[in-house]
């Protein structure tokens, strides 16, 4: 089935079936701990493997999950951000176009790059135009900024979701109980 195809494709990319199984187990764990589904994480992972090492991917996904929680991003927004990270890392360049993938989705890339370069926020656009900021550095700076700004938000969100599910279960149990009482009185 498709699950076996997935396993084989990851085995090819990661160097073996044991590596693939370990990676996919981690994907399942991440799906439980982030606001992404298993299939979304698989897709994001395939894209990230083009420019990140396997052991770096889940950190990147955690950061993006936190940004998703903070900025209410769609899965296509996340895909665009991953494309931005990958392109900056593979080309070695931080271009205005790549930075727009983030700024258009609510990430203050100028603040991120000011944080990491020590330059003033007003100087960043000029530095980018002159090619003075490397792609890998920019990608790292953006993720660090996301962590600083939104870190832990997806966990908070999952916490409230779990709390709601628990509360719903309690409410349903109470409802069943009341229904039973009414029936007994009849």
Protein backbone atom coordinates (compact mmCIF):
# COMPACT_ATOMS: atom_id res chain seq x y z
CA UNK A 1 0.00 0.00 0.00
CA UNK A 2 0.90 3.65 0.15
CA UNK A 3 2.32 3.25 3.66
CA UNK A 4 4.85 0.75 2.29
CA UNK A 5 5.71 3.12 -0.59
CA UNK A 6 6.28 5.89 1.92
CA UNK A 7 8.56 3.61 3.94
CA UNK A 8 10.55 2.66 0.84
CA UNK A 9 10.94 6.25 -0.35
CA UNK A 10 12.22 7.30 3.08
CA UNK A 11 14.47 4.24 3.23
CA UNK A 12 16.08 5.37 -0.04
CA UNK A 13 16.52 8.93 1.18
CA UNK A 14 17.70 8.08 4.68
CA UNK A 15 19.97 5.15 3.86
CA UNK A 16 17.99 2.13 5.05
CA UNK A 17 14.77 0.64 6.38
CA UNK A 18 15.77 0.90 10.03
CA UNK A 19 16.44 4.63 9.54
CA UNK A 20 13.13 5.01 7.73
CA UNK A 21 11.22 3.21 10.50
CA UNK A 22 12.84 5.37 13.19
CA UNK A 23 12.09 8.51 11.18
CA UNK A 24 8.44 7.53 10.59
CA UNK A 25 7.99 6.71 14.29
CA UNK A 26 9.22 10.24 15.02
CA UNK A 27 6.75 11.60 12.44
CA UNK A 28 3.91 9.85 14.32
CA UNK A 29 5.11 11.32 17.61
CA UNK A 30 5.36 14.80 16.08
CA UNK A 31 1.85 14.49 14.63
CA UNK A 32 0.60 13.90 18.18
CA UNK A 33 2.60 16.84 19.59
CA UNK A 34 2.01 19.50 16.93
CA UNK A 35 -0.96 20.96 15.10
CA UNK A 36 0.03 19.00 11.97
CA UNK A 37 -1.39 15.71 10.75
CA UNK A 38 0.77 12.68 10.00
CA UNK A 39 0.34 13.22 6.24
CA UNK A 40 1.20 16.92 6.49
CA UNK A 41 4.39 16.11 8.39
CA UNK A 42 5.32 13.48 5.80
CA UNK A 43 4.94 16.03 3.01
CA UNK A 44 6.83 18.73 4.91
CA UNK A 45 9.59 16.24 5.77
CA UNK A 46 10.08 15.25 2.13
CA UNK A 47 10.47 18.91 1.20
CA UNK A 48 12.81 19.66 4.12
CA UNK A 49 15.04 16.67 3.32
CA UNK A 50 16.14 18.57 0.21
CA UNK A 51 18.14 20.96 2.34
CA UNK A 52 18.14 19.72 5.97
CA UNK A 53 19.63 16.64 7.61
CA UNK A 54 17.06 14.14 8.92
CA UNK A 55 17.88 14.95 12.55
CA UNK A 56 17.30 18.68 11.95
CA UNK A 57 13.86 18.33 10.42
CA UNK A 58 11.79 17.88 13.57
CA UNK A 59 13.26 21.01 15.17
CA UNK A 60 12.32 23.00 12.07
CA UNK A 61 8.83 21.48 12.09
CA UNK A 62 8.40 22.34 15.78
CA UNK A 63 9.32 25.96 15.05
CA UNK A 64 6.92 26.12 12.12
CA UNK A 65 4.19 24.51 14.21
CA UNK A 66 4.65 27.22 16.84
CA UNK A 67 4.48 29.87 14.09
CA UNK A 68 1.33 28.21 12.75
CA UNK A 69 -0.27 28.43 16.18
CA UNK A 70 0.75 32.08 16.59
CA UNK A 71 -0.08 33.29 13.09
CA UNK A 72 -2.97 30.99 12.18
CA UNK A 73 -1.20 29.65 9.07
CA UNK A 74 -2.64 27.20 6.56
CA UNK A 75 -0.75 24.15 5.32
CA UNK A 76 0.00 25.99 2.06
CA UNK A 77 1.52 28.83 4.14
CA UNK A 78 3.76 26.30 5.87
CA UNK A 79 4.73 24.80 2.50
CA UNK A 80 5.71 28.26 1.27
CA UNK A 81 7.86 28.86 4.35
CA UNK A 82 9.55 25.49 3.85
CA UNK A 83 10.18 26.44 0.22
CA UNK A 84 11.71 29.71 1.43
CA UNK A 85 14.00 27.96 3.91
CA UNK A 86 15.04 25.36 1.32
CA UNK A 87 15.77 27.92 -1.38
CA UNK A 88 17.82 30.11 0.93
CA UNK A 89 19.82 27.09 2.08
CA UNK A 90 20.35 25.57 -1.38
CA UNK A 91 21.18 28.84 -3.17
CA UNK A 92 23.10 30.30 -0.24
CA UNK A 93 21.26 33.58 -0.80
CA UNK A 94 18.75 35.56 1.22
CA UNK A 95 16.78 37.44 -1.44
CA UNK A 96 13.85 39.79 -0.98
CA UNK A 97 11.67 37.23 -2.77
CA UNK A 98 12.54 34.43 -0.33
CA UNK A 99 12.13 36.74 2.67
CA UNK A 100 8.67 37.71 1.41
CA UNK A 101 7.59 34.07 1.84
CA UNK A 102 7.81 34.81 5.57
CA UNK A 103 6.93 38.50 5.84
CA UNK A 104 3.72 37.97 3.83
CA UNK A 105 2.71 35.42 6.47
CA UNK A 106 3.35 37.65 9.47
CA UNK A 107 6.98 36.88 10.37
CA UNK A 108 9.00 40.06 10.89
CA UNK A 109 12.06 39.01 8.87
CA UNK A 110 13.74 42.40 9.31
CA UNK A 111 13.58 42.04 13.08
CA UNK A 112 14.82 38.44 12.73
CA UNK A 113 17.83 39.47 10.65
CA UNK A 114 18.53 42.52 12.82
CA UNK A 115 18.62 40.18 15.85
CA UNK A 116 21.12 37.85 14.24
CA UNK A 117 23.36 40.34 12.40
CA UNK A 118 23.40 43.04 15.07
CA UNK A 119 22.58 45.55 12.33
CA UNK A 120 19.78 48.09 12.68
CA UNK A 121 16.41 46.93 11.35
CA UNK A 122 16.42 49.80 8.85
CA UNK A 123 19.67 48.54 7.27
CA UNK A 124 18.49 45.01 6.56
CA UNK A 125 16.73 45.60 3.21
CA UNK A 126 19.87 47.26 1.86
CA UNK A 127 22.09 44.42 3.16
CA UNK A 128 19.77 41.88 1.48
CA UNK A 129 19.89 43.79 -1.82
CA UNK A 130 23.69 43.83 -1.67
CA UNK A 131 23.76 40.09 -0.96
CA UNK A 132 25.45 40.59 2.42
CA UNK A 133 23.30 38.05 4.27
CA UNK A 134 23.88 34.37 3.49
CA UNK A 135 20.93 32.08 2.84
CA UNK A 136 21.72 29.49 5.51
CA UNK A 137 22.28 32.25 8.07
CA UNK A 138 19.00 33.91 7.14
CA UNK A 139 17.09 30.62 7.39
CA UNK A 140 18.58 30.00 10.83
CA UNK A 141 17.85 33.57 11.93
CA UNK A 142 14.22 33.31 10.88
CA UNK A 143 13.72 30.03 12.76
CA UNK A 144 15.44 31.47 15.86
CA UNK A 145 13.17 34.52 15.68
CA UNK A 146 10.10 32.27 15.32
CA UNK A 147 11.23 30.30 18.39
CA UNK A 148 11.73 33.50 20.37
CA UNK A 149 8.38 34.96 19.30
CA UNK A 150 6.10 31.93 19.14
CA UNK A 151 8.01 29.18 20.97
CA UNK A 152 5.75 26.80 22.88
CA UNK A 153 2.52 28.08 21.31
CA UNK A 154 1.64 24.84 19.55
CA UNK A 155 2.01 23.02 22.88
CA UNK A 156 -0.26 25.57 24.56
CA UNK A 157 -2.76 25.09 21.76
CA UNK A 158 -2.64 21.29 22.06
CA UNK A 159 -3.09 21.74 25.80
CA UNK A 160 -6.27 23.73 25.34
CA UNK A 161 -7.49 21.26 22.69
CA UNK A 162 -6.84 18.29 25.01
CA UNK A 163 -8.57 20.16 27.81
CA UNK A 164 -11.59 20.76 25.58
CA UNK A 165 -11.74 17.10 24.57
CA UNK A 166 -11.55 16.06 28.22
CA UNK A 167 -14.27 18.54 29.15
CA UNK A 168 -16.44 17.28 26.31
CA UNK A 169 -16.02 13.69 27.49
CA UNK A 170 -17.01 14.77 31.01
CA UNK A 171 -20.06 16.62 29.68
CA UNK A 172 -21.11 13.59 27.67
CA UNK A 173 -20.74 11.35 30.71
CA UNK A 174 -22.90 13.76 32.73
CA UNK A 175 -25.48 13.85 29.96
CA UNK A 176 -25.65 10.04 29.89
CA UNK A 177 -26.12 10.05 33.63
CA UNK A 178 -28.99 12.58 33.50
CA UNK A 179 -30.65 10.64 30.69
CA UNK A 180 -30.45 7.54 32.84
CA UNK A 181 -31.97 9.31 35.86
CA UNK A 182 -34.86 10.60 33.79
CA UNK A 183 -35.54 7.10 32.49
CA UNK A 184 -35.52 5.64 36.01
CA UNK A 185 -38.01 8.24 37.28
CA UNK A 186 -40.42 7.36 34.46
